[in-house]
All heavy atoms as atom14 arrays in JSON, in Angstrom:
{
  "sequence": "DESLRTYAAAGLVDEILPIIVPGTGTRYYGADGAPVFHARAEVPFRL",
  "atom14_mask": [
    [1, 1, 1, 1, 1, 1, 1, 1, 0, 0, 0, 0, 0, 0],
    [1, 1, 1, 1, 1, 1, 1, 1, 1, 0, 0, 0, 0, 0],
    [1, 1, 1, 1, 1, 1, 0, 0, 0, 0, 0, 0, 0, 0],
    [1, 1, 1, 1, 1, 1, 1, 1, 0, 0, 0, 0, 0, 0],
    [1, 1, 1, 1, 1, 1, 1, 1, 1, 1, 1, 0, 0, 0],
    [1, 1, 1, 1, 1, 1, 1, 0, 0, 0, 0, 0, 0, 0],
    [1, 1, 1, 1, 1, 1, 1, 1, 1, 1, 1, 1, 0, 0],
    [1, 1, 1, 1, 1, 0, 0, 0, 0, 0, 0, 0, 0, 0],
    [1, 1, 1, 1, 1, 0, 0, 0, 0, 0, 0, 0, 0, 0],
    [1, 1, 1, 1, 1, 0, 0, 0, 0, 0, 0, 0, 0, 0],
    [1, 1, 1, 1, 0, 0, 0, 0, 0, 0, 0, 0, 0, 0],
    [1, 1, 1, 1, 1, 1, 1, 1, 0, 0, 0, 0, 0, 0],
    [1, 1, 1, 1, 1, 1, 1, 0, 0, 0, 0, 0, 0, 0],
    [1, 1, 1, 1, 1, 1, 1, 1, 0, 0, 0, 0, 0, 0],
    [1, 1, 1, 1, 1, 1, 1, 1, 1, 0, 0, 0, 0, 0],
    [1, 1, 1, 1, 1, 1, 1, 1, 0, 0, 0, 0, 0, 0],
    [1, 1, 1, 1, 1, 1, 1, 1, 0, 0, 0, 0, 0, 0],
    [1, 1, 1, 1, 1, 1, 1, 0, 0, 0, 0, 0, 0, 0],
    [1, 1, 1, 1, 1, 1, 1, 1, 0, 0, 0, 0, 0, 0],
    [1, 1, 1, 1, 1, 1, 1, 1, 0, 0, 0, 0, 0, 0],
    [1, 1, 1, 1, 1, 1, 1, 0, 0, 0, 0, 0, 0, 0],
    [1, 1, 1, 1, 1, 1, 1, 0, 0, 0, 0, 0, 0, 0],
    [1, 1, 1, 1, 0, 0, 0, 0, 0, 0, 0, 0, 0, 0],
    [1, 1, 1, 1, 1, 1, 1, 0, 0, 0, 0, 0, 0, 0],
    [1, 1, 1, 1, 0, 0, 0, 0, 0, 0, 0, 0, 0, 0],
    [1, 1, 1, 1, 1, 1, 1, 0, 0, 0, 0, 0, 0, 0],
    [1, 1, 1, 1, 1, 1, 1, 1, 1, 1, 1, 0, 0, 0],
    [1, 1, 1, 1, 1, 1, 1, 1, 1, 1, 1, 1, 0, 0],
    [1, 1, 1, 1, 1, 1, 1, 1, 1, 1, 1, 1, 0, 0],
    [1, 1, 1, 1, 0, 0, 0, 0, 0, 0, 0, 0, 0, 0],
    [1, 1, 1, 1, 1, 0, 0, 0, 0, 0, 0, 0, 0, 0],
    [1, 1, 1, 1, 1, 1, 1, 1, 0, 0, 0, 0, 0, 0],
    [1, 1, 1, 1, 0, 0, 0, 0, 0, 0, 0, 0, 0, 0],
    [1, 1, 1, 1, 1, 0, 0, 0, 0, 0, 0, 0, 0, 0],
    [1, 1, 1, 1, 1, 1, 1, 0, 0, 0, 0, 0, 0, 0],
    [1, 1, 1, 1, 1, 1, 1, 0, 0, 0, 0, 0, 0, 0],
    [1, 1, 1, 1, 1, 1, 1, 1, 1, 1, 1, 0, 0, 0],
    [1, 1, 1, 1, 1, 1, 1, 1, 1, 1, 0, 0, 0, 0],
    [1, 1, 1, 1, 1, 0, 0, 0, 0, 0, 0, 0, 0, 0],
    [1, 1, 1, 1, 1, 1, 1, 1, 1, 1, 1, 0, 0, 0],
    [1, 1, 1, 1, 1, 0, 0, 0, 0, 0, 0, 0, 0, 0],
    [1, 1, 1, 1, 1, 1, 1, 1, 1, 0, 0, 0, 0, 0],
    [1, 1, 1, 1, 1, 1, 1, 0, 0, 0, 0, 0, 0, 0],
    [1, 1, 1, 1, 1, 1, 1, 0, 0, 0, 0, 0, 0, 0],
    [1, 1, 1, 1, 1, 1, 1, 1, 1, 1, 1, 0, 0, 0],
    [1, 1, 1, 1, 1, 1, 1, 1, 1, 1, 1, 0, 0, 0],
    [1, 1, 1, 1, 1, 1, 1, 1, 0, 0, 0, 0, 0, 0]
  ],
  "atom14_positions": [
    [[113.42, -23.44, 99.38], [112.53, -23.07, 98.28], [113.27, -22.92, 96.95], [112.74, -23.28, 95.9], [111.78, -21.77, 98.61], [112.69, -20.65, 99.11], [113.91, -20.89, 99.32], [112.19, -19.53, 99.33], [0.0, 0.0, 0.0], [0.0, 0.0, 0.0], [0.0, 0.0, 0.0], [0.0, 0.0, 0.0], [0.0, 0.0, 0.0], [0.0, 0.0, 0.0]],
    [[114.5, -22.45, 97.0], [115.28, -22.31, 95.77], [115.58, -23.68, 95.17], [115.52, -23.86, 93.94], [116.58, -21.56, 96.07], [117.4, -21.25, 94.83], [118.65, -20.44, 95.14], [118.82, -20.0, 96.29], [119.46, -20.26, 94.21], [0.0, 0.0, 0.0], [0.0, 0.0, 0.0], [0.0, 0.0, 0.0], [0.0, 0.0, 0.0], [0.0, 0.0, 0.0]],
    [[115.89, -24.65, 96.03], [116.15, -26.0, 95.53], [114.9, -26.63, 94.95], [114.95, -27.31, 93.91], [116.7, -26.87, 96.66], [117.96, -26.4, 97.11], [0.0, 0.0, 0.0], [0.0, 0.0, 0.0], [0.0, 0.0, 0.0], [0.0, 0.0, 0.0], [0.0, 0.0, 0.0], [0.0, 0.0, 0.0], [0.0, 0.0, 0.0], [0.0, 0.0, 0.0]],
    [[113.75, -26.43, 95.59], [112.5, -26.96, 95.05], [112.19, -26.33, 93.69], [111.68, -26.99, 92.79], [111.35, -26.71, 96.03], [111.38, -27.54, 97.31], [110.23, -27.14, 98.23], [111.32, -29.04, 97.01], [0.0, 0.0, 0.0], [0.0, 0.0, 0.0], [0.0, 0.0, 0.0], [0.0, 0.0, 0.0], [0.0, 0.0, 0.0], [0.0, 0.0, 0.0]],
    [[112.53, -25.06, 93.53], [112.34, -24.42, 92.22], [113.22, -25.08, 91.17], [112.79, -25.29, 90.02], [112.68, -22.93, 92.33], [112.37, -22.13, 91.08], [112.76, -20.67, 91.25], [112.21, -19.84, 90.2], [112.39, -18.53, 90.11], [113.14, -17.9, 91.01], [111.85, -17.84, 89.11], [0.0, 0.0, 0.0], [0.0, 0.0, 0.0], [0.0, 0.0, 0.0]],
    [[114.45, -25.44, 91.55], [115.33, -26.15, 90.62], [114.77, -27.52, 90.28], [114.8, -27.95, 89.12], [116.74, -26.28, 91.23], [117.27, -24.96, 91.47], [117.67, -27.02, 90.3], [0.0, 0.0, 0.0], [0.0, 0.0, 0.0], [0.0, 0.0, 0.0], [0.0, 0.0, 0.0], [0.0, 0.0, 0.0], [0.0, 0.0, 0.0], [0.0, 0.0, 0.0]],
    [[114.28, -28.25, 91.27], [113.68, -29.56, 91.0], [112.44, -29.42, 90.11], [112.16, -30.31, 89.3], [113.31, -30.24, 92.31], [114.49, -30.81, 93.07], [114.63, -30.61, 94.44], [115.46, -31.57, 92.42], [115.71, -31.14, 95.14], [116.53, -32.09, 93.1], [116.66, -31.88, 94.46], [117.73, -32.41, 95.13], [0.0, 0.0, 0.0], [0.0, 0.0, 0.0]],
    [[111.72, -28.33, 90.26], [110.57, -28.1, 89.37], [111.04, -27.95, 87.93], [110.42, -28.47, 86.99], [109.78, -26.87, 89.81], [0.0, 0.0, 0.0], [0.0, 0.0, 0.0], [0.0, 0.0, 0.0], [0.0, 0.0, 0.0], [0.0, 0.0, 0.0], [0.0, 0.0, 0.0], [0.0, 0.0, 0.0], [0.0, 0.0, 0.0], [0.0, 0.0, 0.0]],
    [[112.15, -27.23, 87.73], [112.7, -27.07, 86.38], [113.12, -28.4, 85.79], [113.09, -28.6, 84.57], [113.89, -26.11, 86.41], [0.0, 0.0, 0.0], [0.0, 0.0, 0.0], [0.0, 0.0, 0.0], [0.0, 0.0, 0.0], [0.0, 0.0, 0.0], [0.0, 0.0, 0.0], [0.0, 0.0, 0.0], [0.0, 0.0, 0.0], [0.0, 0.0, 0.0]],
    [[113.5, -29.35, 86.66], [113.88, -30.69, 86.21], [112.66, -31.6, 86.04], [112.82, -32.77, 85.68], [114.86, -31.32, 87.2], [0.0, 0.0, 0.0], [0.0, 0.0, 0.0], [0.0, 0.0, 0.0], [0.0, 0.0, 0.0], [0.0, 0.0, 0.0], [0.0, 0.0, 0.0], [0.0, 0.0, 0.0], [0.0, 0.0, 0.0], [0.0, 0.0, 0.0]],
    [[111.47, -31.09, 86.34], [110.26, -31.87, 86.17], [110.0, -32.88, 87.28], [109.27, -33.84, 87.07], [0.0, 0.0, 0.0], [0.0, 0.0, 0.0], [0.0, 0.0, 0.0], [0.0, 0.0, 0.0], [0.0, 0.0, 0.0], [0.0, 0.0, 0.0], [0.0, 0.0, 0.0], [0.0, 0.0, 0.0], [0.0, 0.0, 0.0], [0.0, 0.0, 0.0]],
    [[110.56, -32.63, 88.47], [110.47, -33.62, 89.54], [109.78, -33.11, 90.8], [109.6, -33.88, 91.75], [111.87, -34.11, 89.93], [112.62, -34.91, 88.86], [114.06, -35.14, 89.31], [111.92, -36.24, 88.62], [0.0, 0.0, 0.0], [0.0, 0.0, 0.0], [0.0, 0.0, 0.0], [0.0, 0.0, 0.0], [0.0, 0.0, 0.0], [0.0, 0.0, 0.0]],
    [[109.39, -31.85, 90.85], [108.91, -31.31, 92.12], [107.62, -31.96, 92.59], [107.39, -32.12, 93.8], [108.76, -29.77, 92.03], [107.52, -29.37, 91.24], [108.74, -29.15, 93.42], [0.0, 0.0, 0.0], [0.0, 0.0, 0.0], [0.0, 0.0, 0.0], [0.0, 0.0, 0.0], [0.0, 0.0, 0.0], [0.0, 0.0, 0.0], [0.0, 0.0, 0.0]],
    [[106.76, -32.38, 91.69], [105.5, -33.01, 92.11], [105.75, -34.34, 92.82], [104.94, -34.77, 93.64], [104.59, -33.24, 90.91], [104.01, -31.93, 90.37], [104.02, -30.94, 91.13], [103.58, -31.91, 89.21], [0.0, 0.0, 0.0], [0.0, 0.0, 0.0], [0.0, 0.0, 0.0], [0.0, 0.0, 0.0], [0.0, 0.0, 0.0], [0.0, 0.0, 0.0]],
    [[106.87, -34.99, 92.5], [107.22, -36.24, 93.19], [107.94, -35.97, 94.5], [107.95, -36.81, 95.4], [108.12, -37.1, 92.29], [107.41, -37.74, 91.1], [107.03, -36.74, 90.02], [107.8, -35.79, 89.8], [105.96, -36.91, 89.41], [0.0, 0.0, 0.0], [0.0, 0.0, 0.0], [0.0, 0.0, 0.0], [0.0, 0.0, 0.0], [0.0, 0.0, 0.0]],
    [[108.55, -34.78, 94.63], [109.31, -34.44, 95.83], [108.42, -33.85, 96.92], [108.62, -34.11, 98.12], [110.47, -33.49, 95.48], [111.52, -34.26, 94.66], [111.11, -32.89, 96.73], [112.63, -33.41, 94.12], [0.0, 0.0, 0.0], [0.0, 0.0, 0.0], [0.0, 0.0, 0.0], [0.0, 0.0, 0.0], [0.0, 0.0, 0.0], [0.0, 0.0, 0.0]],
    [[107.42, -33.08, 96.55], [106.56, -32.45, 97.55], [105.94, -33.45, 98.53], [105.83, -33.14, 99.73], [105.47, -31.62, 96.87], [105.96, -30.35, 96.16], [104.8, -29.65, 95.47], [106.65, -29.4, 97.13], [0.0, 0.0, 0.0], [0.0, 0.0, 0.0], [0.0, 0.0, 0.0], [0.0, 0.0, 0.0], [0.0, 0.0, 0.0], [0.0, 0.0, 0.0]],
    [[105.54, -34.65, 98.1], [104.96, -35.58, 99.08], [105.93, -36.1, 100.13], [105.49, -36.68, 101.14], [104.45, -36.74, 98.2], [104.25, -36.13, 96.85], [105.35, -35.13, 96.72], [0.0, 0.0, 0.0], [0.0, 0.0, 0.0], [0.0, 0.0, 0.0], [0.0, 0.0, 0.0], [0.0, 0.0, 0.0], [0.0, 0.0, 0.0], [0.0, 0.0, 0.0]],
    [[107.24, -35.93, 99.94], [108.19, -36.48, 100.9], [108.78, -35.41, 101.82], [109.69, -35.69, 102.6], [109.34, -37.23, 100.2], [110.22, -36.26, 99.39], [108.8, -38.34, 99.31], [111.5, -36.88, 98.87], [0.0, 0.0, 0.0], [0.0, 0.0, 0.0], [0.0, 0.0, 0.0], [0.0, 0.0, 0.0], [0.0, 0.0, 0.0], [0.0, 0.0, 0.0]],
    [[108.27, -34.18, 101.77], [108.78, -33.11, 102.62], [107.73, -32.69, 103.64], [106.54, -32.98, 103.49], [109.21, -31.87, 101.8], [107.99, -31.17, 101.19], [110.23, -32.24, 100.73], [108.27, -29.8, 100.62], [0.0, 0.0, 0.0], [0.0, 0.0, 0.0], [0.0, 0.0, 0.0], [0.0, 0.0, 0.0], [0.0, 0.0, 0.0], [0.0, 0.0, 0.0]],
    [[108.19, -32.01, 104.68], [107.31, -31.25, 105.56], [107.42, -29.8, 105.12], [108.53, -29.25, 105.12], [107.74, -31.39, 107.03], [106.92, -30.45, 107.91], [107.59, -32.83, 107.5], [0.0, 0.0, 0.0], [0.0, 0.0, 0.0], [0.0, 0.0, 0.0], [0.0, 0.0, 0.0], [0.0, 0.0, 0.0], [0.0, 0.0, 0.0], [0.0, 0.0, 0.0]],
    [[106.33, -29.16, 104.7], [106.43, -27.75, 104.27], [106.79, -26.87, 105.46], [105.96, -26.53, 106.3], [105.04, -27.44, 103.73], [104.14, -28.44, 104.37], [104.96, -29.67, 104.59], [0.0, 0.0, 0.0], [0.0, 0.0, 0.0], [0.0, 0.0, 0.0], [0.0, 0.0, 0.0], [0.0, 0.0, 0.0], [0.0, 0.0, 0.0], [0.0, 0.0, 0.0]],
    [[108.05, -26.51, 105.55], [108.58, -25.9, 106.76], [108.41, -24.4, 106.82], [108.12, -23.73, 105.83], [0.0, 0.0, 0.0], [0.0, 0.0, 0.0], [0.0, 0.0, 0.0], [0.0, 0.0, 0.0], [0.0, 0.0, 0.0], [0.0, 0.0, 0.0], [0.0, 0.0, 0.0], [0.0, 0.0, 0.0], [0.0, 0.0, 0.0], [0.0, 0.0, 0.0]],
    [[108.64, -23.86, 108.02], [108.47, -22.42, 108.26], [109.73, -21.77, 108.81], [109.66, -20.68, 109.36], [107.31, -22.17, 109.23], [107.6, -22.78, 110.49], [106.0, -22.74, 108.68], [0.0, 0.0, 0.0], [0.0, 0.0, 0.0], [0.0, 0.0, 0.0], [0.0, 0.0, 0.0], [0.0, 0.0, 0.0], [0.0, 0.0, 0.0], [0.0, 0.0, 0.0]],
    [[110.89, -22.44, 108.69], [112.12, -21.8, 109.12], [112.74, -22.45, 110.34], [112.61, -23.66, 110.56], [0.0, 0.0, 0.0], [0.0, 0.0, 0.0], [0.0, 0.0, 0.0], [0.0, 0.0, 0.0], [0.0, 0.0, 0.0], [0.0, 0.0, 0.0], [0.0, 0.0, 0.0], [0.0, 0.0, 0.0], [0.0, 0.0, 0.0], [0.0, 0.0, 0.0]],
    [[113.37, -21.63, 111.18], [114.11, -22.13, 112.35], [113.79, -21.26, 113.56], [113.8, -20.03, 113.46], [115.63, -22.09, 112.09], [115.92, -22.87, 110.93], [116.39, -22.65, 113.28], [0.0, 0.0, 0.0], [0.0, 0.0, 0.0], [0.0, 0.0, 0.0], [0.0, 0.0, 0.0], [0.0, 0.0, 0.0], [0.0, 0.0, 0.0], [0.0, 0.0, 0.0]],
    [[113.52, -21.91, 114.69], [113.3, -21.18, 115.95], [114.55, -21.34, 116.82], [115.05, -22.45, 117.01], [112.07, -21.71, 116.67], [111.73, -20.95, 117.95], [110.33, -21.27, 118.45], [109.32, -20.77, 117.5], [108.01, -20.88, 117.7], [107.56, -21.52, 118.77], [107.17, -20.4, 116.81], [0.0, 0.0, 0.0], [0.0, 0.0, 0.0], [0.0, 0.0, 0.0]],
    [[115.02, -20.21, 117.35], [116.22, -20.19, 118.17], [115.83, -19.99, 119.64], [115.02, -19.13, 119.96], [117.17, -19.07, 117.72], [117.79, -19.34, 116.38], [117.15, -18.95, 115.19], [119.01, -20.0, 116.27], [117.71, -19.21, 113.95], [119.59, -20.26, 115.04], [118.93, -19.86, 113.89], [119.49, -20.12, 112.65], [0.0, 0.0, 0.0], [0.0, 0.0, 0.0]],
    [[116.44, -20.8, 120.49], [116.16, -20.77, 121.92], [117.41, -20.3, 122.66], [118.53, -20.63, 122.29], [115.75, -22.14, 122.43], [114.44, -22.64, 121.87], [114.36, -23.16, 120.58], [113.26, -22.57, 122.62], [113.16, -23.62, 120.06], [112.05, -23.02, 122.11], [112.01, -23.54, 120.83], [110.82, -23.98, 120.31], [0.0, 0.0, 0.0], [0.0, 0.0, 0.0]],
    [[117.2, -19.56, 123.74], [118.31, -19.03, 124.5], [118.81, -19.99, 125.55], [118.35, -21.13, 125.67], [0.0, 0.0, 0.0], [0.0, 0.0, 0.0], [0.0, 0.0, 0.0], [0.0, 0.0, 0.0], [0.0, 0.0, 0.0], [0.0, 0.0, 0.0], [0.0, 0.0, 0.0], [0.0, 0.0, 0.0], [0.0, 0.0, 0.0], [0.0, 0.0, 0.0]],
    [[119.77, -19.51, 126.35], [120.37, -20.33, 127.4], [119.34, -20.74, 128.45], [119.49, -21.78, 129.1], [121.52, -19.58, 128.05], [0.0, 0.0, 0.0], [0.0, 0.0, 0.0], [0.0, 0.0, 0.0], [0.0, 0.0, 0.0], [0.0, 0.0, 0.0], [0.0, 0.0, 0.0], [0.0, 0.0, 0.0], [0.0, 0.0, 0.0], [0.0, 0.0, 0.0]],
    [[118.28, -19.94, 128.62], [117.24, -20.24, 129.59], [116.17, -21.18, 129.06], [115.2, -21.51, 129.75], [116.58, -18.95, 130.09], [115.97, -18.12, 128.95], [116.05, -18.57, 127.79], [115.45, -17.03, 129.24], [0.0, 0.0, 0.0], [0.0, 0.0, 0.0], [0.0, 0.0, 0.0], [0.0, 0.0, 0.0], [0.0, 0.0, 0.0], [0.0, 0.0, 0.0]],
    [[116.31, -21.63, 127.79], [115.34, -22.54, 127.19], [114.14, -21.85, 126.57], [113.3, -22.51, 125.95], [0.0, 0.0, 0.0], [0.0, 0.0, 0.0], [0.0, 0.0, 0.0], [0.0, 0.0, 0.0], [0.0, 0.0, 0.0], [0.0, 0.0, 0.0], [0.0, 0.0, 0.0], [0.0, 0.0, 0.0], [0.0, 0.0, 0.0], [0.0, 0.0, 0.0]],
    [[114.05, -20.52, 126.72], [112.91, -19.79, 126.16], [113.2, -19.4, 124.71], [114.35, -19.12, 124.35], [112.63, -18.54, 126.99], [0.0, 0.0, 0.0], [0.0, 0.0, 0.0], [0.0, 0.0, 0.0], [0.0, 0.0, 0.0], [0.0, 0.0, 0.0], [0.0, 0.0, 0.0], [0.0, 0.0, 0.0], [0.0, 0.0, 0.0], [0.0, 0.0, 0.0]],
    [[112.16, -19.33, 123.86], [112.37, -18.89, 122.48], [112.89, -17.46, 122.43], [112.46, -16.6, 123.21], [110.97, -18.99, 121.86], [110.2, -19.91, 122.75], [110.76, -19.7, 124.13], [0.0, 0.0, 0.0], [0.0, 0.0, 0.0], [0.0, 0.0, 0.0], [0.0, 0.0, 0.0], [0.0, 0.0, 0.0], [0.0, 0.0, 0.0], [0.0, 0.0, 0.0]],
    [[113.82, -17.21, 121.52], [114.36, -15.86, 121.32], [113.8, -15.25, 120.04], [113.27, -14.14, 120.05], [115.9, -15.89, 121.28], [116.45, -14.47, 121.05], [116.46, -16.48, 122.57], [0.0, 0.0, 0.0], [0.0, 0.0, 0.0], [0.0, 0.0, 0.0], [0.0, 0.0, 0.0], [0.0, 0.0, 0.0], [0.0, 0.0, 0.0], [0.0, 0.0, 0.0]],
    [[113.88, -15.97, 118.91], [113.28, -15.48, 117.68], [113.06, -16.65, 116.73], [113.64, -17.73, 116.9], [114.12, -14.38, 117.02], [115.43, -14.84, 116.44], [115.55, -15.14, 115.09], [116.55, -14.96, 117.24], [116.76, -15.56, 114.55], [117.78, -15.37, 116.72], [117.87, -15.67, 115.37], [0.0, 0.0, 0.0], [0.0, 0.0, 0.0], [0.0, 0.0, 0.0]],
    [[112.24, -16.4, 115.73], [111.94, -17.41, 114.71], [112.37, -16.84, 113.37], [111.84, -15.82, 112.92], [110.44, -17.72, 114.7], [110.06, -18.91, 113.86], [109.33, -19.96, 114.35], [110.32, -19.23, 112.56], [109.13, -20.86, 113.4], [109.74, -20.43, 112.31], [0.0, 0.0, 0.0], [0.0, 0.0, 0.0], [0.0, 0.0, 0.0], [0.0, 0.0, 0.0]],
    [[113.34, -17.47, 112.72], [113.84, -17.02, 111.43], [113.02, -17.66, 110.33], [112.87, -18.89, 110.29], [115.32, -17.39, 111.27], [0.0, 0.0, 0.0], [0.0, 0.0, 0.0], [0.0, 0.0, 0.0], [0.0, 0.0, 0.0], [0.0, 0.0, 0.0], [0.0, 0.0, 0.0], [0.0, 0.0, 0.0], [0.0, 0.0, 0.0], [0.0, 0.0, 0.0]],
    [[112.48, -16.84, 109.43], [111.62, -17.35, 108.37], [111.77, -16.48, 107.13], [112.5, -15.48, 107.13], [110.17, -17.36, 108.85], [109.61, -15.98, 109.17], [108.15, -16.08, 109.64], [108.04, -16.56, 111.01], [107.29, -17.6, 111.34], [106.61, -18.26, 110.42], [107.2, -17.99, 112.6], [0.0, 0.0, 0.0], [0.0, 0.0, 0.0], [0.0, 0.0, 0.0]],
    [[111.06, -16.83, 106.06], [111.14, -16.06, 104.81], [110.51, -14.69, 104.99], [109.45, -14.55, 105.6], [110.42, -16.81, 103.7], [0.0, 0.0, 0.0], [0.0, 0.0, 0.0], [0.0, 0.0, 0.0], [0.0, 0.0, 0.0], [0.0, 0.0, 0.0], [0.0, 0.0, 0.0], [0.0, 0.0, 0.0], [0.0, 0.0, 0.0], [0.0, 0.0, 0.0]],
    [[111.17, -13.66, 104.45], [110.6, -12.31, 104.49], [109.34, -12.23, 103.65], [108.35, -11.6, 104.03], [111.63, -11.3, 104.01], [111.14, -9.86, 104.07], [112.22, -8.86, 103.71], [113.31, -9.28, 103.27], [111.97, -7.65, 103.87], [0.0, 0.0, 0.0], [0.0, 0.0, 0.0], [0.0, 0.0, 0.0], [0.0, 0.0, 0.0], [0.0, 0.0, 0.0]],
    [[109.38, -12.87, 102.48], [108.21, -12.93, 101.6], [107.87, -14.41, 101.41], [108.53, -15.1, 100.63], [108.48, -12.27, 100.24], [107.24, -12.36, 99.35], [108.92, -10.83, 100.42], [0.0, 0.0, 0.0], [0.0, 0.0, 0.0], [0.0, 0.0, 0.0], [0.0, 0.0, 0.0], [0.0, 0.0, 0.0], [0.0, 0.0, 0.0], [0.0, 0.0, 0.0]],
    [[106.88, -14.93, 102.12], [106.54, -16.34, 101.97], [106.23, -16.7, 100.52], [105.57, -15.94, 99.8], [105.3, -16.5, 102.85], [105.4, -15.39, 103.85], [106.03, -14.25, 103.1], [0.0, 0.0, 0.0], [0.0, 0.0, 0.0], [0.0, 0.0, 0.0], [0.0, 0.0, 0.0], [0.0, 0.0, 0.0], [0.0, 0.0, 0.0], [0.0, 0.0, 0.0]],
    [[106.75, -17.8, 100.08], [106.51, -18.33, 98.74], [107.02, -17.4, 97.63], [106.54, -17.47, 96.51], [105.01, -18.65, 98.53], [104.6, -19.96, 99.12], [104.43, -20.1, 100.49], [104.42, -21.07, 98.33], [104.07, -21.31, 101.06], [104.06, -22.29, 98.87], [103.89, -22.41, 100.24], [0.0, 0.0, 0.0], [0.0, 0.0, 0.0], [0.0, 0.0, 0.0]],
    [[108.01, -16.57, 97.93], [108.54, -15.69, 96.88], [109.07, -16.5, 95.7], [108.94, -16.09, 94.55], [109.65, -14.8, 97.44], [110.26, -13.91, 96.35], [111.3, -12.96, 96.86], [111.9, -12.29, 95.71], [113.03, -12.61, 95.14], [113.75, -13.63, 95.62], [113.48, -11.97, 94.08], [0.0, 0.0, 0.0], [0.0, 0.0, 0.0], [0.0, 0.0, 0.0]],
    [[109.68, -17.65, 95.97], [110.21, -18.49, 94.9], [109.23, -19.57, 94.47], [109.57, -20.44, 93.67], [111.54, -19.11, 95.32], [112.66, -18.12, 95.67], [113.95, -18.86, 95.97], [112.88, -17.11, 94.56], [0.0, 0.0, 0.0], [0.0, 0.0, 0.0], [0.0, 0.0, 0.0], [0.0, 0.0, 0.0], [0.0, 0.0, 0.0], [0.0, 0.0, 0.0]]
  ]
}
């Protein structure tokens, strides 16, 4: 999100948004293959 904010300052974010998947972070799985936790933004869309 910080990088997209920088691209917006450069006047390019509207061209970049169509080429991304709006993501929600990273999910971590344990040795048993089961999900352990999902790391994401504390405040969605803060930037």
